[in-house]
Amino acid sequence: MLASVLGQHDLALTHTARSVELYRELLPRGGTEYDSGLGLALCRYGLVRIAADRDWLVAAEAIMEALGRYGEIERRGEAPDEEFTTLVGSLMRSEAVAPGGNEE
């Protein structure tokens, strides 16, 4: 995320995409243990894609998958990772100012 903020979008995309890959590899071995990690990685990946102005559809799909994982964690009665919860809350509050969103 820091690389993205610094304008190093290619580096940020490489590392956030790799993070998603790693969590996807870990998930089958750890059951639901890595759900929050994968969700957070997906959020970051989507946000970096948006910041880099790269394929918004892919970014939206990653973020939607992350939100779905968040919902699944809550439905199981578990507490999602605190950082994941914070990021999801920020995404939900900023939805109104997203491109095509309602700014009122």
PDB file of N, CA and C in Angstrom:
ATOM      1  N   MET A   1       0.835  -1.185   0.000  1.00  0.00           N
ATOM      2  CA  MET A   1       0.000   0.000   0.000  1.00  0.00           C
ATOM      3  C   MET A   1       0.883   1.252   0.000  1.00  0.00           C
ATOM      4  N   LEU A   2       1.986   1.212   0.742  1.00  0.00           N
ATOM      5  CA  LEU A   2       2.881   2.363   0.786  1.00  0.00           C
ATOM      6  C   LEU A   2       3.471   2.628  -0.591  1.00  0.00           C
ATOM      7  N   ALA A   3       3.854   1.579  -1.306  1.00  0.00           N
ATOM      8  CA  ALA A   3       4.391   1.751  -2.657  1.00  0.00           C
ATOM      9  C   ALA A   3       3.362   2.437  -3.549  1.00  0.00           C
ATOM     10  N   SER A   4       2.107   2.082  -3.390  1.00  0.00           N
ATOM     11  CA  SER A   4       1.041   2.702  -4.179  1.00  0.00           C
ATOM     12  C   SER A   4       0.912   4.181  -3.846  1.00  0.00           C
ATOM     13  N   VAL A   5       0.928   4.499  -2.554  1.00  0.00           N
ATOM     14  CA  VAL A   5       0.838   5.891  -2.123  1.00  0.00           C
ATOM     15  C   VAL A   5       2.000   6.700  -2.685  1.00  0.00           C
ATOM     16  N   LEU A   6       3.160   6.066  -2.792  1.00  0.00           N
ATOM     17  CA  LEU A   6       4.348   6.742  -3.320  1.00  0.00           C
ATOM     18  C   LEU A   6       4.381   6.766  -4.846  1.00  0.00           C
ATOM     19  N   GLY A   7       3.324   6.263  -5.477  1.00  0.00           N
ATOM     20  CA  GLY A   7       3.239   6.286  -6.933  1.00  0.00           C
ATOM     21  C   GLY A   7       3.936   5.129  -7.623  1.00  0.00           C
ATOM     22  N   GLN A   8       4.404   4.157  -6.857  1.00  0.00           N
ATOM     23  CA  GLN A   8       5.082   2.992  -7.433  1.00  0.00           C
ATOM     24  C   GLN A   8       4.053   1.880  -7.632  1.00  0.00           C
ATOM     25  N   HIS A   9       3.134   2.138  -8.568  1.00  0.00           N
ATOM     26  CA  HIS A   9       1.987   1.263  -8.746  1.00  0.00           C
ATOM     27  C   HIS A   9       2.351  -0.136  -9.228  1.00  0.00           C
ATOM     28  N   ASP A  10       3.316  -0.246 -10.117  1.00  0.00           N
ATOM     29  CA  ASP A  10       3.696  -1.582 -10.599  1.00  0.00           C
ATOM     30  C   ASP A  10       4.223  -2.445  -9.452  1.00  0.00           C
ATOM     31  N   LEU A  11       5.052  -1.868  -8.606  1.00  0.00           N
ATOM     32  CA  LEU A  11       5.585  -2.587  -7.449  1.00  0.00           C
ATOM     33  C   LEU A  11       4.442  -2.973  -6.503  1.00  0.00           C
ATOM     34  N   ALA A  12       3.546  -2.041  -6.246  1.00  0.00           N
ATOM     35  CA  ALA A  12       2.416  -2.310  -5.355  1.00  0.00           C
ATOM     36  C   ALA A  12       1.517  -3.404  -5.925  1.00  0.00           C
ATOM     37  N   LEU A  13       1.265  -3.368  -7.227  1.00  0.00           N
ATOM     38  CA  LEU A  13       0.431  -4.399  -7.848  1.00  0.00           C
ATOM     39  C   LEU A  13       1.086  -5.767  -7.760  1.00  0.00           C
ATOM     40  N   THR A  14       2.374  -5.814  -8.001  1.00  0.00           N
ATOM     41  CA  THR A  14       3.104  -7.083  -7.926  1.00  0.00           C
ATOM     42  C   THR A  14       2.985  -7.698  -6.539  1.00  0.00           C
ATOM     43  N   HIS A  15       3.220  -6.885  -5.523  1.00  0.00           N
ATOM     44  CA  HIS A  15       3.232  -7.415  -4.157  1.00  0.00           C
ATOM     45  C   HIS A  15       1.837  -7.719  -3.625  1.00  0.00           C
ATOM     46  N   THR A  16       0.857  -6.901  -3.955  1.00  0.00           N
ATOM     47  CA  THR A  16      -0.486  -7.209  -3.462  1.00  0.00           C
ATOM     48  C   THR A  16      -1.061  -8.424  -4.187  1.00  0.00           C
ATOM     49  N   ALA A  17      -0.757  -8.569  -5.477  1.00  0.00           N
ATOM     50  CA  ALA A  17      -1.218  -9.760  -6.212  1.00  0.00           C
ATOM     51  C   ALA A  17      -0.564 -11.012  -5.635  1.00  0.00           C
ATOM     52  N   ARG A  18       0.702 -10.931  -5.299  1.00  0.00           N
ATOM     53  CA  ARG A  18       1.406 -12.079  -4.711  1.00  0.00           C
ATOM     54  C   ARG A  18       0.823 -12.425  -3.342  1.00  0.00           C
ATOM     55  N   SER A  19       0.461 -11.419  -2.573  1.00  0.00           N
ATOM     56  CA  SER A  19      -0.146 -11.659  -1.273  1.00  0.00           C
ATOM     57  C   SER A  19      -1.457 -12.427  -1.425  1.00  0.00           C
ATOM     58  N   VAL A  20      -2.272 -12.047  -2.400  1.00  0.00           N
ATOM     59  CA  VAL A  20      -3.520 -12.769  -2.659  1.00  0.00           C
ATOM     60  C   VAL A  20      -3.212 -14.218  -3.029  1.00  0.00           C
ATOM     61  N   GLU A  21      -2.220 -14.418  -3.899  1.00  0.00           N
ATOM     62  CA  GLU A  21      -1.841 -15.780  -4.305  1.00  0.00           C
ATOM     63  C   GLU A  21      -1.423 -16.621  -3.095  1.00  0.00           C
ATOM     64  N   LEU A  22      -0.596 -16.042  -2.230  1.00  0.00           N
ATOM     65  CA  LEU A  22      -0.116 -16.777  -1.052  1.00  0.00           C
ATOM     66  C   LEU A  22      -1.259 -17.167  -0.127  1.00  0.00           C
ATOM     67  N   TYR A  23      -2.169 -16.236   0.126  1.00  0.00           N
ATOM     68  CA  TYR A  23      -3.315 -16.575   0.981  1.00  0.00           C
ATOM     69  C   TYR A  23      -4.204 -17.625   0.339  1.00  0.00           C
ATOM     70  N   ARG A  24      -4.364 -17.567  -0.974  1.00  0.00           N
ATOM     71  CA  ARG A  24      -5.176 -18.587  -1.654  1.00  0.00           C
ATOM     72  C   ARG A  24      -4.514 -19.969  -1.510  1.00  0.00           C
ATOM     73  N   GLU A  25      -3.181 -20.005  -1.519  1.00  0.00           N
ATOM     74  CA  GLU A  25      -2.469 -21.274  -1.320  1.00  0.00           C
ATOM     75  C   GLU A  25      -2.609 -21.768   0.116  1.00  0.00           C
ATOM     76  N   LEU A  26      -2.594 -20.858   1.078  1.00  0.00           N
ATOM     77  CA  LEU A  26      -2.682 -21.230   2.492  1.00  0.00           C
ATOM     78  C   LEU A  26      -4.081 -21.639   2.914  1.00  0.00           C
ATOM     79  N   LEU A  27      -5.097 -21.055   2.306  1.00  0.00           N
ATOM     80  CA  LEU A  27      -6.471 -21.272   2.743  1.00  0.00           C
ATOM     81  C   LEU A  27      -6.874 -22.745   2.793  1.00  0.00           C
ATOM     82  N   PRO A  28      -6.608 -23.542   1.745  1.00  0.00           N
ATOM     83  CA  PRO A  28      -7.029 -24.950   1.834  1.00  0.00           C
ATOM     84  C   PRO A  28      -6.353 -25.714   2.979  1.00  0.00           C
ATOM     85  N   ARG A  29      -5.128 -25.341   3.306  1.00  0.00           N
ATOM     86  CA  ARG A  29      -4.404 -26.031   4.376  1.00  0.00           C
ATOM     87  C   ARG A  29      -4.867 -25.610   5.761  1.00  0.00           C
ATOM     88  N   GLY A  30      -5.298 -24.354   5.889  1.00  0.00           N
ATOM     89  CA  GLY A  30      -5.648 -23.832   7.208  1.00  0.00           C
ATOM     90  C   GLY A  30      -7.134 -23.691   7.434  1.00  0.00           C
ATOM     91  N   GLY A  31      -7.949 -24.222   6.549  1.00  0.00           N
ATOM     92  CA  GLY A  31      -9.390 -24.054   6.705  1.00  0.00           C
ATOM     93  C   GLY A  31      -9.774 -22.591   6.642  1.00  0.00           C
ATOM     94  N   THR A  32     -10.548 -22.149   7.599  1.00  0.00           N
ATOM     95  CA  THR A  32     -11.007 -20.760   7.604  1.00  0.00           C
ATOM     96  C   THR A  32     -10.029 -19.825   8.315  1.00  0.00           C
ATOM     97  N   GLU A  33      -8.957 -20.371   8.821  1.00  0.00           N
ATOM     98  CA  GLU A  33      -7.982 -19.578   9.579  1.00  0.00           C
ATOM     99  C   GLU A  33      -7.458 -18.375   8.799  1.00  0.00           C
ATOM    100  N   TYR A  34      -7.361 -18.496   7.473  1.00  0.00           N
ATOM    101  CA  TYR A  34      -6.766 -17.431   6.672  1.00  0.00           C
ATOM    102  C   TYR A  34      -7.800 -16.576   5.953  1.00  0.00           C
ATOM    103  N   ASP A  35      -9.087 -16.733   6.284  1.00  0.00           N
ATOM    104  CA  ASP A  35     -10.128 -15.939   5.626  1.00  0.00           C
ATOM    105  C   ASP A  35      -9.903 -14.435   5.763  1.00  0.00           C
ATOM    106  N   SER A  36      -9.608 -13.972   6.976  1.00  0.00           N
ATOM    107  CA  SER A  36      -9.379 -12.537   7.178  1.00  0.00           C
ATOM    108  C   SER A  36      -8.163 -12.059   6.399  1.00  0.00           C
ATOM    109  N   GLY A  37      -7.103 -12.849   6.408  1.00  0.00           N
ATOM    110  CA  GLY A  37      -5.892 -12.472   5.672  1.00  0.00           C
ATOM    111  C   GLY A  37      -6.143 -12.359   4.186  1.00  0.00           C
ATOM    112  N   LEU A  38      -6.869 -13.329   3.635  1.00  0.00           N
ATOM    113  CA  LEU A  38      -7.177 -13.277   2.210  1.00  0.00           C
ATOM    114  C   LEU A  38      -8.094 -12.101   1.917  1.00  0.00           C
ATOM    115  N   GLY A  39      -9.077 -11.878   2.772  1.00  0.00           N
ATOM    116  CA  GLY A  39      -9.977 -10.741   2.572  1.00  0.00           C
ATOM    117  C   GLY A  39      -9.247  -9.419   2.579  1.00  0.00           C
ATOM    118  N   LEU A  40      -8.345  -9.259   3.524  1.00  0.00           N
ATOM    119  CA  LEU A  40      -7.557  -8.027   3.608  1.00  0.00           C
ATOM    120  C   LEU A  40      -6.661  -7.886   2.381  1.00  0.00           C
ATOM    121  N   ALA A  41      -6.035  -8.971   1.971  1.00  0.00           N
ATOM    122  CA  ALA A  41      -5.169  -8.932   0.779  1.00  0.00           C
ATOM    123  C   ALA A  41      -5.978  -8.561  -0.461  1.00  0.00           C
ATOM    124  N   LEU A  42      -7.189  -9.094  -0.585  1.00  0.00           N
ATOM    125  CA  LEU A  42      -8.050  -8.773  -1.722  1.00  0.00           C
ATOM    126  C   LEU A  42      -8.444  -7.301  -1.716  1.00  0.00           C
ATOM    127  N   CYS A  43      -8.769  -6.771  -0.544  1.00  0.00           N
ATOM    128  CA  CYS A  43      -9.094  -5.342  -0.439  1.00  0.00           C
ATOM    129  C   CYS A  43      -7.918  -4.491  -0.895  1.00  0.00           C
ATOM    130  N   ARG A  44      -6.749  -4.814  -0.368  1.00  0.00           N
ATOM    131  CA  ARG A  44      -5.555  -4.037  -0.728  1.00  0.00           C
ATOM    132  C   ARG A  44      -5.273  -4.122  -2.221  1.00  0.00           C
ATOM    133  N   TYR A  45      -5.382  -5.321  -2.778  1.00  0.00           N
ATOM    134  CA  TYR A  45      -5.139  -5.518  -4.202  1.00  0.00           C
ATOM    135  C   TYR A  45      -6.110  -4.665  -5.028  1.00  0.00           C
ATOM    136  N   GLY A  46      -7.388  -4.706  -4.657  1.00  0.00           N
ATOM    137  CA  GLY A  46      -8.378  -3.908  -5.374  1.00  0.00           C
ATOM    138  C   GLY A  46      -8.097  -2.422  -5.277  1.00  0.00           C
ATOM    139  N   LEU A  47      -7.756  -1.953  -4.084  1.00  0.00           N
ATOM    140  CA  LEU A  47      -7.472  -0.530  -3.891  1.00  0.00           C
ATOM    141  C   LEU A  47      -6.227  -0.093  -4.658  1.00  0.00           C
ATOM    142  N   VAL A  48      -5.221  -0.940  -4.696  1.00  0.00           N
ATOM    143  CA  VAL A  48      -4.006  -0.610  -5.453  1.00  0.00           C
ATOM    144  C   VAL A  48      -4.321  -0.536  -6.949  1.00  0.00           C
ATOM    145  N   ARG A  49      -5.146  -1.461  -7.450  1.00  0.00           N
ATOM    146  CA  ARG A  49      -5.554  -1.418  -8.862  1.00  0.00           C
ATOM    147  C   ARG A  49      -6.289  -0.125  -9.177  1.00  0.00           C
ATOM    148  N   ILE A  50      -7.160   0.309  -8.259  1.00  0.00           N
ATOM    149  CA  ILE A  50      -7.888   1.561  -8.460  1.00  0.00           C
ATOM    150  C   ILE A  50      -6.922   2.733  -8.469  1.00  0.00           C
ATOM    151  N   ALA A  51      -5.997   2.770  -7.507  1.00  0.00           N
ATOM    152  CA  ALA A  51      -5.014   3.856  -7.431  1.00  0.00           C
ATOM    153  C   ALA A  51      -4.144   3.910  -8.685  1.00  0.00           C
ATOM    154  N   ALA A  52      -3.848   2.734  -9.239  1.00  0.00           N
ATOM    155  CA  ALA A  52      -3.010   2.658 -10.438  1.00  0.00           C
ATOM    156  C   ALA A  52      -3.823   2.898 -11.710  1.00  0.00           C
ATOM    157  N   ASP A  53      -5.147   3.075 -11.545  1.00  0.00           N
ATOM    158  CA  ASP A  53      -6.060   3.252 -12.677  1.00  0.00           C
ATOM    159  C   ASP A  53      -5.947   2.087 -13.653  1.00  0.00           C
ATOM    160  N   ARG A  54      -5.977   0.878 -13.086  1.00  0.00           N
ATOM    161  CA  ARG A  54      -5.905  -0.355 -13.873  1.00  0.00           C
ATOM    162  C   ARG A  54      -7.185  -1.144 -13.716  1.00  0.00           C
ATOM    163  N   ASP A  55      -7.772  -1.536 -14.773  1.00  0.00           N
ATOM    164  CA  ASP A  55      -8.936  -2.416 -14.844  1.00  0.00           C
ATOM    165  C   ASP A  55      -9.806  -2.389 -13.597  1.00  0.00           C
ATOM    166  N   TRP A  56     -10.703  -1.434 -13.561  1.00  0.00           N
ATOM    167  CA  TRP A  56     -11.578  -1.240 -12.407  1.00  0.00           C
ATOM    168  C   TRP A  56     -12.477  -2.438 -12.173  1.00  0.00           C
ATOM    169  N   LEU A  57     -12.816  -3.177 -13.220  1.00  0.00           N
ATOM    170  CA  LEU A  57     -13.661  -4.356 -13.048  1.00  0.00           C
ATOM    171  C   LEU A  57     -12.949  -5.412 -12.205  1.00  0.00           C
ATOM    172  N   VAL A  58     -11.667  -5.649 -12.483  1.00  0.00           N
ATOM    173  CA  VAL A  58     -10.880  -6.599 -11.689  1.00  0.00           C
ATOM    174  C   VAL A  58     -10.781  -6.101 -10.244  1.00  0.00           C
ATOM    175  N   ALA A  59     -10.571  -4.804 -10.083  1.00  0.00           N
ATOM    176  CA  ALA A  59     -10.487  -4.225  -8.740  1.00  0.00           C
ATOM    177  C   ALA A  59     -11.809  -4.430  -7.995  1.00  0.00           C
ATOM    178  N   ALA A  60     -12.917  -4.159  -8.670  1.00  0.00           N
ATOM    179  CA  ALA A  60     -14.228  -4.311  -8.039  1.00  0.00           C
ATOM    180  C   ALA A  60     -14.495  -5.767  -7.673  1.00  0.00           C
ATOM    181  N   GLU A  61     -14.101  -6.693  -8.539  1.00  0.00           N
ATOM    182  CA  GLU A  61     -14.295  -8.121  -8.255  1.00  0.00           C
ATOM    183  C   GLU A  61     -13.507  -8.540  -7.019  1.00  0.00           C
ATOM    184  N   ALA A  62     -12.269  -8.049  -6.903  1.00  0.00           N
ATOM    185  CA  ALA A  62     -11.440  -8.385  -5.740  1.00  0.00           C
ATOM    186  C   ALA A  62     -12.071  -7.844  -4.460  1.00  0.00           C
ATOM    187  N   ILE A  63     -12.532  -6.599  -4.512  1.00  0.00           N
ATOM    188  CA  ILE A  63     -13.137  -5.988  -3.332  1.00  0.00           C
ATOM    189  C   ILE A  63     -14.448  -6.677  -2.982  1.00  0.00           C
ATOM    190  N   MET A  64     -15.250  -7.027  -3.978  1.00  0.00           N
ATOM    191  CA  MET A  64     -16.508  -7.727  -3.712  1.00  0.00           C
ATOM    192  C   MET A  64     -16.253  -9.105  -3.095  1.00  0.00           C
ATOM    193  N   GLU A  65     -15.224  -9.798  -3.581  1.00  0.00           N
ATOM    194  CA  GLU A  65     -14.880 -11.091  -2.981  1.00  0.00           C
ATOM    195  C   GLU A  65     -14.466 -10.894  -1.517  1.00  0.00           C
ATOM    196  N   ALA A  66     -13.692  -9.841  -1.264  1.00  0.00           N
ATOM    197  CA  ALA A  66     -13.261  -9.553   0.106  1.00  0.00           C
ATOM    198  C   ALA A  66     -14.463  -9.283   0.999  1.00  0.00           C
ATOM    199  N   LEU A  67     -15.425  -8.507   0.513  1.00  0.00           N
ATOM    200  CA  LEU A  67     -16.614  -8.209   1.305  1.00  0.00           C
ATOM    201  C   LEU A  67     -17.428  -9.482   1.559  1.00  0.00           C
ATOM    202  N   GLY A  68     -17.461 -10.360   0.575  1.00  0.00           N
ATOM    203  CA  GLY A  68     -18.137 -11.643   0.751  1.00  0.00           C
ATOM    204  C   GLY A  68     -17.474 -12.476   1.832  1.00  0.00           C
ATOM    205  N   ARG A  69     -16.148 -12.487   1.837  1.00  0.00           N
ATOM    206  CA  ARG A  69     -15.417 -13.227   2.875  1.00  0.00           C
ATOM    207  C   ARG A  69     -15.695 -12.632   4.251  1.00  0.00           C
ATOM    208  N   TYR A  70     -15.768 -11.304   4.303  1.00  0.00           N
ATOM    209  CA  TYR A  70     -16.065 -10.637   5.567  1.00  0.00           C
ATOM    210  C   TYR A  70     -17.433 -11.083   6.085  1.00  0.00           C
ATOM    211  N   GLY A  71     -18.408 -11.104   5.196  1.00  0.00           N
ATOM    212  CA  GLY A  71     -19.753 -11.546   5.569  1.00  0.00           C
ATOM    213  C   GLY A  71     -19.772 -12.983   6.045  1.00  0.00           C
ATOM    214  N   GLU A  72     -19.007 -13.843   5.375  1.00  0.00           N
ATOM    215  CA  GLU A  72     -18.943 -15.254   5.787  1.00  0.00           C
ATOM    216  C   GLU A  72     -18.349 -15.396   7.179  1.00  0.00           C
ATOM    217  N   ILE A  73     -17.321 -14.640   7.460  1.00  0.00           N
ATOM    218  CA  ILE A  73     -16.691 -14.695   8.783  1.00  0.00           C
ATOM    219  C   ILE A  73     -17.712 -14.295   9.849  1.00  0.00           C
ATOM    220  N   GLU A  74     -18.430 -13.211   9.583  1.00  0.00           N
ATOM    221  CA  GLU A  74     -19.441 -12.763  10.549  1.00  0.00           C
ATOM    222  C   GLU A  74     -20.568 -13.785  10.709  1.00  0.00           C
ATOM    223  N   ARG A  75     -21.001 -14.402   9.598  1.00  0.00           N
ATOM    224  CA  ARG A  75     -22.082 -15.396   9.679  1.00  0.00           C
ATOM    225  C   ARG A  75     -21.673 -16.608  10.508  1.00  0.00           C
ATOM    226  N   ARG A  76     -20.392 -16.922  10.513  1.00  0.00           N
ATOM    227  CA  ARG A  76     -19.910 -18.036  11.335  1.00  0.00           C
ATOM    228  C   ARG A  76     -19.819 -17.649  12.806  1.00  0.00           C
ATOM    229  N   GLY A  77     -20.082 -16.371  13.104  1.00  0.00           N
ATOM    230  CA  GLY A  77     -20.016 -15.900  14.481  1.00  0.00           C
ATOM    231  C   GLY A  77     -18.605 -15.603  14.945  1.00  0.00           C
ATOM    232  N   GLU A  78     -17.689 -15.481  13.987  1.00  0.00           N
ATOM    233  CA  GLU A  78     -16.291 -15.187  14.317  1.00  0.00           C
ATOM    234  C   GLU A  78     -16.043 -13.688  14.183  1.00  0.00           C
ATOM    235  N   ALA A  79     -14.959 -13.242  14.774  1.00  0.00           N
ATOM    236  CA  ALA A  79     -14.570 -11.837  14.679  1.00  0.00           C
ATOM    237  C   ALA A  79     -13.502 -11.692  13.600  1.00  0.00           C
ATOM    238  N   PRO A  80     -13.804 -10.946  12.542  1.00  0.00           N
ATOM    239  CA  PRO A  80     -12.775 -10.723  11.516  1.00  0.00           C
ATOM    240  C   PRO A  80     -11.587  -9.958  12.100  1.00  0.00           C
ATOM    241  N   ASP A  81     -10.454 -10.100  11.473  1.00  0.00           N
ATOM    242  CA  ASP A  81      -9.240  -9.381  11.836  1.00  0.00           C
ATOM    243  C   ASP A  81      -9.561  -7.886  11.973  1.00  0.00           C
ATOM    244  N   GLU A  82      -8.978  -7.237  12.975  1.00  0.00           N
ATOM    245  CA  GLU A  82      -9.268  -5.819  13.247  1.00  0.00           C
ATOM    246  C   GLU A  82      -8.930  -4.923  12.055  1.00  0.00           C
ATOM    247  N   GLU A  83      -7.797  -5.152  11.412  1.00  0.00           N
ATOM    248  CA  GLU A  83      -7.409  -4.329  10.259  1.00  0.00           C
ATOM    249  C   GLU A  83      -8.385  -4.539   9.096  1.00  0.00           C
ATOM    250  N   PHE A  84      -8.821  -5.782   8.906  1.00  0.00           N
ATOM    251  CA  PHE A  84      -9.794  -6.098   7.865  1.00  0.00           C
ATOM    252  C   PHE A  84     -11.113  -5.375   8.164  1.00  0.00           C
ATOM    253  N   THR A  85     -11.541  -5.397   9.412  1.00  0.00           N
ATOM    254  CA  THR A  85     -12.767  -4.716   9.816  1.00  0.00           C
ATOM    255  C   THR A  85     -12.672  -3.217   9.551  1.00  0.00           C
ATOM    256  N   THR A  86     -11.541  -2.626   9.894  1.00  0.00           N
ATOM    257  CA  THR A  86     -11.332  -1.193   9.685  1.00  0.00           C
ATOM    258  C   THR A  86     -11.388  -0.849   8.197  1.00  0.00           C
ATOM    259  N   LEU A  87     -10.720  -1.653   7.376  1.00  0.00           N
ATOM    260  CA  LEU A  87     -10.690  -1.387   5.937  1.00  0.00           C
ATOM    261  C   LEU A  87     -12.074  -1.564   5.322  1.00  0.00           C
ATOM    262  N   VAL A  88     -12.798  -2.594   5.726  1.00  0.00           N
ATOM    263  CA  VAL A  88     -14.153  -2.799   5.208  1.00  0.00           C
ATOM    264  C   VAL A  88     -15.048  -1.627   5.616  1.00  0.00           C
ATOM    265  N   GLY A  89     -14.914  -1.168   6.839  1.00  0.00           N
ATOM    266  CA  GLY A  89     -15.685  -0.004   7.289  1.00  0.00           C
ATOM    267  C   GLY A  89     -15.380   1.221   6.455  1.00  0.00           C
ATOM    268  N   SER A  90     -14.112   1.440   6.154  1.00  0.00           N
ATOM    269  CA  SER A  90     -13.712   2.578   5.314  1.00  0.00           C
ATOM    270  C   SER A  90     -14.282   2.451   3.907  1.00  0.00           C
ATOM    271  N   LEU A  91     -14.244   1.231   3.375  1.00  0.00           N
ATOM    272  CA  LEU A  91     -14.799   1.012   2.037  1.00  0.00           C
ATOM    273  C   LEU A  91     -16.297   1.300   2.025  1.00  0.00           C
ATOM    274  N   MET A  92     -16.997   0.866   3.040  1.00  0.00           N
ATOM    275  CA  MET A  92     -18.443   1.075   3.094  1.00  0.00           C
ATOM    276  C   MET A  92     -18.779   2.560   3.215  1.00  0.00           C
ATOM    277  N   ARG A  93     -17.994   3.299   3.973  1.00  0.00           N
ATOM    278  CA  ARG A  93     -18.244   4.733   4.116  1.00  0.00           C
ATOM    279  C   ARG A  93     -17.895   5.497   2.853  1.00  0.00           C
ATOM    280  N   SER A  94     -16.916   5.032   2.089  1.00  0.00           N
ATOM    281  CA  SER A  94     -16.477   5.759   0.897  1.00  0.00           C
ATOM    282  C   SER A  94     -17.236   5.356  -0.352  1.00  0.00           C
ATOM    283  N   GLU A  95     -18.142   4.396  -0.257  1.00  0.00           N
ATOM    284  CA  GLU A  95     -18.886   3.915  -1.419  1.00  0.00           C
ATOM    285  C   GLU A  95     -19.603   5.053  -2.138  1.00  0.00           C
ATOM    286  N   ALA A  96     -20.112   6.023  -1.398  1.00  0.00           N
ATOM    287  CA  ALA A  96     -20.881   7.105  -1.998  1.00  0.00           C
ATOM    288  C   ALA A  96     -20.036   8.007  -2.883  1.00  0.00           C
ATOM    289  N   VAL A  97     -18.734   8.057  -2.671  1.00  0.00           N
ATOM    290  CA  VAL A  97     -17.895   8.932  -3.485  1.00  0.00           C
ATOM    291  C   VAL A  97     -17.096   8.169  -4.533  1.00  0.00           C
ATOM    292  N   ALA A  98     -17.374   6.882  -4.677  1.00  0.00           N
ATOM    293  CA  ALA A  98     -16.708   6.081  -5.707  1.00  0.00           C
ATOM    294  C   ALA A  98     -17.233   6.516  -7.072  1.00  0.00           C
ATOM    295  N   PRO A  99     -16.432   6.319  -8.127  1.00  0.00           N
ATOM    296  CA  PRO A  99     -16.901   6.674  -9.463  1.00  0.00           C
ATOM    297  C   PRO A  99     -18.251   6.012  -9.731  1.00  0.00           C
ATOM    298  N   GLY A 100     -19.185   6.835 -10.157  1.00  0.00           N
ATOM    299  CA  GLY A 100     -20.517   6.320 -10.435  1.00  0.00           C
ATOM    300  C   GLY A 100     -21.388   6.245  -9.196  1.00  0.00           C
ATOM    301  N   GLY A 101     -20.829   6.576  -8.039  1.00  0.00           N
ATOM    302  CA  GLY A 101     -21.587   6.516  -6.793  1.00  0.00           C
ATOM    303  C   GLY A 101     -22.435   7.760  -6.609  1.00  0.00           C
ATOM    304  N   ASN A 102     -23.207   7.752  -5.562  1.00  0.00           N
ATOM    305  CA  ASN A 102     -24.084   8.873  -5.256  1.00  0.00           C
ATOM    306  C   ASN A 102     -23.391   9.740  -4.215  1.00  0.00           C
ATOM    307  N   GLU A 103     -23.015  10.948  -4.581  1.00  0.00           N
ATOM    308  CA  GLU A 103     -22.239  11.815  -3.679  1.00  0.00           C
ATOM    309  C   GLU A 103     -23.116  12.584  -2.720  1.00  0.00           C
ATOM    310  N   GLU A 104     -24.425  12.427  -2.784  1.00  0.00           N
ATOM    311  CA  GLU A 104     -25.314  13.160  -1.885  1.00  0.00           C
ATOM    312  C   GLU A 104     -25.335  12.539  -0.521  1.00  0.00           C
TER     313      GLU A 104
END
